Amino acid sequence: MCLAIPAEVIELLPDQMARVSLDGVIKVVSVALVAPITVGDYVIVHVGFALTRIDPEEAQRTLALLAEMGQIATEVAP
């Protein structure tokens, strides 16, 4: 199963790379598929690549749902 998650662009780097925050986890990803982007944009990240730009409100809703799913999984785990 593949999962792509929203990330906020926090720094633009050389060679079409960017530093992003995945709900607080910092990663460096390629933004070649969605360039040009700016700091503060949200992108969908999968396997080290930003696939598309996403609306900030939609990104926050998705992150909230993922957090809720994690909480539910914790509550029902044996």
N, C-alpha and C. Protein backbone atom coordinates (compact mmCIF):
# COMPACT_ATOMS: atom_id res chain seq x y z
N MET A 1 0.84 -1.17 0.00
CA MET A 1 0.00 0.00 0.00
C MET A 1 0.89 1.23 0.00
N CYS A 2 0.54 2.20 -0.80
CA CYS A 2 1.30 3.44 -0.90
C CYS A 2 0.54 4.55 -0.19
N LEU A 3 1.29 5.45 0.41
CA LEU A 3 0.68 6.57 1.09
C LEU A 3 1.47 7.83 0.74
N ALA A 4 0.76 8.83 0.26
CA ALA A 4 1.36 10.14 0.00
C ALA A 4 0.74 11.10 1.00
N ILE A 5 1.58 11.93 1.62
CA ILE A 5 1.07 12.80 2.68
C ILE A 5 1.43 14.26 2.42
N PRO A 6 0.63 15.17 2.97
CA PRO A 6 0.91 16.60 2.80
C PRO A 6 2.14 17.02 3.59
N ALA A 7 2.90 17.93 3.01
CA ALA A 7 4.08 18.48 3.67
C ALA A 7 4.18 19.96 3.31
N GLU A 8 4.67 20.74 4.26
CA GLU A 8 4.85 22.17 4.03
C GLU A 8 6.28 22.44 3.58
N VAL A 9 6.45 23.19 2.52
CA VAL A 9 7.77 23.58 2.04
C VAL A 9 8.32 24.64 2.99
N ILE A 10 9.47 24.35 3.62
CA ILE A 10 10.04 25.30 4.56
C ILE A 10 11.34 25.94 4.06
N GLU A 11 11.93 25.35 3.02
CA GLU A 11 13.16 25.92 2.46
C GLU A 11 13.37 25.39 1.05
N LEU A 12 13.70 26.27 0.13
CA LEU A 12 14.05 25.86 -1.23
C LEU A 12 15.55 25.63 -1.29
N LEU A 13 15.95 24.55 -1.94
CA LEU A 13 17.34 24.17 -2.06
C LEU A 13 17.73 24.13 -3.53
N PRO A 14 19.04 24.06 -3.82
CA PRO A 14 19.47 23.96 -5.22
C PRO A 14 18.98 22.66 -5.88
N ASP A 15 19.05 22.64 -7.18
CA ASP A 15 18.77 21.44 -7.98
C ASP A 15 17.34 20.92 -7.81
N GLN A 16 16.37 21.82 -7.74
CA GLN A 16 14.95 21.48 -7.64
C GLN A 16 14.65 20.57 -6.44
N MET A 17 15.28 20.89 -5.34
CA MET A 17 15.04 20.18 -4.09
C MET A 17 14.47 21.17 -3.08
N ALA A 18 13.81 20.64 -2.06
CA ALA A 18 13.27 21.49 -1.01
C ALA A 18 13.27 20.74 0.32
N ARG A 19 13.39 21.51 1.38
CA ARG A 19 13.24 20.94 2.70
C ARG A 19 11.77 21.12 3.07
N VAL A 20 11.13 20.03 3.51
CA VAL A 20 9.71 20.07 3.85
C VAL A 20 9.51 19.56 5.27
N SER A 21 8.39 19.98 5.85
CA SER A 21 7.99 19.50 7.16
C SER A 21 6.78 18.59 6.99
N LEU A 22 6.96 17.35 7.35
CA LEU A 22 5.88 16.36 7.30
C LEU A 22 5.31 16.26 8.72
N ASP A 23 4.45 17.21 9.06
CA ASP A 23 3.86 17.27 10.40
C ASP A 23 4.96 17.29 11.46
N GLY A 24 6.01 18.08 11.21
CA GLY A 24 7.09 18.25 12.17
C GLY A 24 8.34 17.44 11.86
N VAL A 25 8.25 16.45 11.00
CA VAL A 25 9.41 15.67 10.59
C VAL A 25 9.99 16.33 9.34
N ILE A 26 11.27 16.70 9.41
CA ILE A 26 11.91 17.43 8.31
C ILE A 26 12.57 16.45 7.34
N LYS A 27 12.28 16.62 6.06
CA LYS A 27 12.85 15.78 4.99
C LYS A 27 13.26 16.67 3.83
N VAL A 28 14.17 16.18 3.01
CA VAL A 28 14.54 16.83 1.76
C VAL A 28 13.94 16.01 0.63
N VAL A 29 13.18 16.69 -0.25
CA VAL A 29 12.50 16.00 -1.34
C VAL A 29 12.73 16.74 -2.65
N SER A 30 12.55 16.02 -3.74
CA SER A 30 12.61 16.63 -5.07
C SER A 30 11.29 17.36 -5.34
N VAL A 31 11.40 18.57 -5.86
CA VAL A 31 10.19 19.31 -6.26
C VAL A 31 10.18 19.53 -7.78
N ALA A 32 10.95 18.74 -8.49
CA ALA A 32 11.05 18.88 -9.95
C ALA A 32 9.71 18.71 -10.65
N LEU A 33 8.82 17.92 -10.08
CA LEU A 33 7.52 17.67 -10.72
C LEU A 33 6.51 18.78 -10.50
N VAL A 34 6.77 19.67 -9.52
CA VAL A 34 5.80 20.72 -9.20
C VAL A 34 6.41 22.12 -9.25
N ALA A 35 7.65 22.23 -9.64
CA ALA A 35 8.31 23.53 -9.69
C ALA A 35 7.60 24.43 -10.69
N PRO A 36 7.50 25.71 -10.49
CA PRO A 36 8.05 26.44 -9.35
C PRO A 36 7.11 26.43 -8.15
N ILE A 37 7.71 26.37 -6.97
CA ILE A 37 6.96 26.47 -5.73
C ILE A 37 7.62 27.52 -4.85
N THR A 38 6.96 27.88 -3.77
CA THR A 38 7.52 28.86 -2.84
C THR A 38 7.44 28.31 -1.43
N VAL A 39 8.24 28.88 -0.55
CA VAL A 39 8.20 28.53 0.86
C VAL A 39 6.79 28.81 1.37
N GLY A 40 6.25 27.87 2.12
CA GLY A 40 4.89 28.00 2.63
C GLY A 40 3.87 27.20 1.83
N ASP A 41 4.23 26.80 0.61
CA ASP A 41 3.34 25.95 -0.18
C ASP A 41 3.23 24.58 0.49
N TYR A 42 2.11 23.91 0.27
CA TYR A 42 1.95 22.53 0.70
C TYR A 42 1.98 21.65 -0.53
N VAL A 43 2.66 20.52 -0.41
CA VAL A 43 2.76 19.56 -1.50
C VAL A 43 2.43 18.17 -0.98
N ILE A 44 2.02 17.30 -1.88
CA ILE A 44 1.81 15.89 -1.54
C ILE A 44 3.12 15.17 -1.83
N VAL A 45 3.67 14.48 -0.82
CA VAL A 45 4.98 13.83 -0.93
C VAL A 45 4.82 12.32 -0.90
N HIS A 46 5.52 11.66 -1.82
CA HIS A 46 5.56 10.20 -1.86
C HIS A 46 6.95 9.77 -2.29
N VAL A 47 7.58 8.95 -1.52
CA VAL A 47 8.89 8.36 -1.80
C VAL A 47 9.93 9.41 -2.21
N GLY A 48 9.96 10.53 -1.49
CA GLY A 48 10.99 11.54 -1.75
C GLY A 48 10.69 12.51 -2.86
N PHE A 49 9.48 12.48 -3.42
CA PHE A 49 9.10 13.38 -4.50
C PHE A 49 7.82 14.12 -4.14
N ALA A 50 7.81 15.41 -4.38
CA ALA A 50 6.58 16.18 -4.29
C ALA A 50 5.83 15.94 -5.59
N LEU A 51 4.60 15.44 -5.48
CA LEU A 51 3.83 15.06 -6.66
C LEU A 51 2.93 16.17 -7.18
N THR A 52 2.38 16.97 -6.27
CA THR A 52 1.46 18.04 -6.65
C THR A 52 1.36 19.04 -5.52
N ARG A 53 0.94 20.22 -5.86
CA ARG A 53 0.68 21.25 -4.85
C ARG A 53 -0.72 21.00 -4.29
N ILE A 54 -0.94 21.33 -3.00
CA ILE A 54 -2.24 21.13 -2.37
C ILE A 54 -2.61 22.39 -1.59
N ASP A 55 -3.89 22.66 -1.53
CA ASP A 55 -4.41 23.79 -0.79
C ASP A 55 -4.06 23.63 0.70
N PRO A 56 -3.60 24.70 1.37
CA PRO A 56 -3.21 24.59 2.79
C PRO A 56 -4.33 24.08 3.69
N GLU A 57 -5.57 24.49 3.44
CA GLU A 57 -6.68 24.02 4.26
C GLU A 57 -6.90 22.52 4.06
N GLU A 58 -6.80 22.06 2.83
CA GLU A 58 -6.95 20.63 2.55
C GLU A 58 -5.82 19.84 3.21
N ALA A 59 -4.61 20.39 3.17
CA ALA A 59 -3.46 19.74 3.82
C ALA A 59 -3.72 19.58 5.31
N GLN A 60 -4.21 20.63 5.96
CA GLN A 60 -4.49 20.56 7.40
C GLN A 60 -5.60 19.55 7.72
N ARG A 61 -6.64 19.52 6.90
CA ARG A 61 -7.72 18.54 7.10
C ARG A 61 -7.19 17.11 6.97
N THR A 62 -6.35 16.89 5.97
CA THR A 62 -5.78 15.55 5.76
C THR A 62 -4.89 15.15 6.92
N LEU A 63 -4.04 16.06 7.38
CA LEU A 63 -3.17 15.76 8.52
C LEU A 63 -3.98 15.47 9.78
N ALA A 64 -5.08 16.21 9.98
CA ALA A 64 -5.94 15.97 11.14
C ALA A 64 -6.59 14.59 11.06
N LEU A 65 -7.04 14.21 9.86
CA LEU A 65 -7.64 12.88 9.68
C LEU A 65 -6.62 11.77 9.93
N LEU A 66 -5.40 11.96 9.44
CA LEU A 66 -4.35 10.95 9.68
C LEU A 66 -4.06 10.82 11.17
N ALA A 67 -4.02 11.94 11.88
CA ALA A 67 -3.78 11.90 13.33
C ALA A 67 -4.94 11.19 14.03
N GLU A 68 -6.16 11.46 13.60
CA GLU A 68 -7.33 10.81 14.19
C GLU A 68 -7.30 9.30 13.94
N MET A 69 -6.90 8.91 12.74
CA MET A 69 -6.80 7.48 12.42
C MET A 69 -5.76 6.82 13.32
N GLY A 70 -4.66 7.50 13.56
CA GLY A 70 -3.62 6.96 14.44
C GLY A 70 -4.12 6.80 15.86
N GLN A 71 -4.91 7.76 16.33
CA GLN A 71 -5.48 7.68 17.67
C GLN A 71 -6.45 6.53 17.77
N ILE A 72 -7.30 6.35 16.78
CA ILE A 72 -8.26 5.25 16.77
C ILE A 72 -7.53 3.91 16.77
N ALA A 73 -6.50 3.81 15.94
CA ALA A 73 -5.72 2.56 15.87
C ALA A 73 -5.10 2.23 17.22
N THR A 74 -4.64 3.25 17.91
CA THR A 74 -4.04 3.05 19.24
C THR A 74 -5.10 2.57 20.23
N GLU A 75 -6.28 3.12 20.15
CA GLU A 75 -7.36 2.77 21.08
C GLU A 75 -7.88 1.35 20.87
N VAL A 76 -7.88 0.86 19.64
CA VAL A 76 -8.43 -0.47 19.37
C VAL A 76 -7.37 -1.57 19.33
N ALA A 77 -6.10 -1.19 19.42
CA ALA A 77 -5.04 -2.19 19.40
C ALA A 77 -5.11 -3.05 20.67
N PRO A 78 -4.82 -4.35 20.55
CA PRO A 78 -4.88 -5.23 21.73
C PRO A 78 -3.81 -4.90 22.76
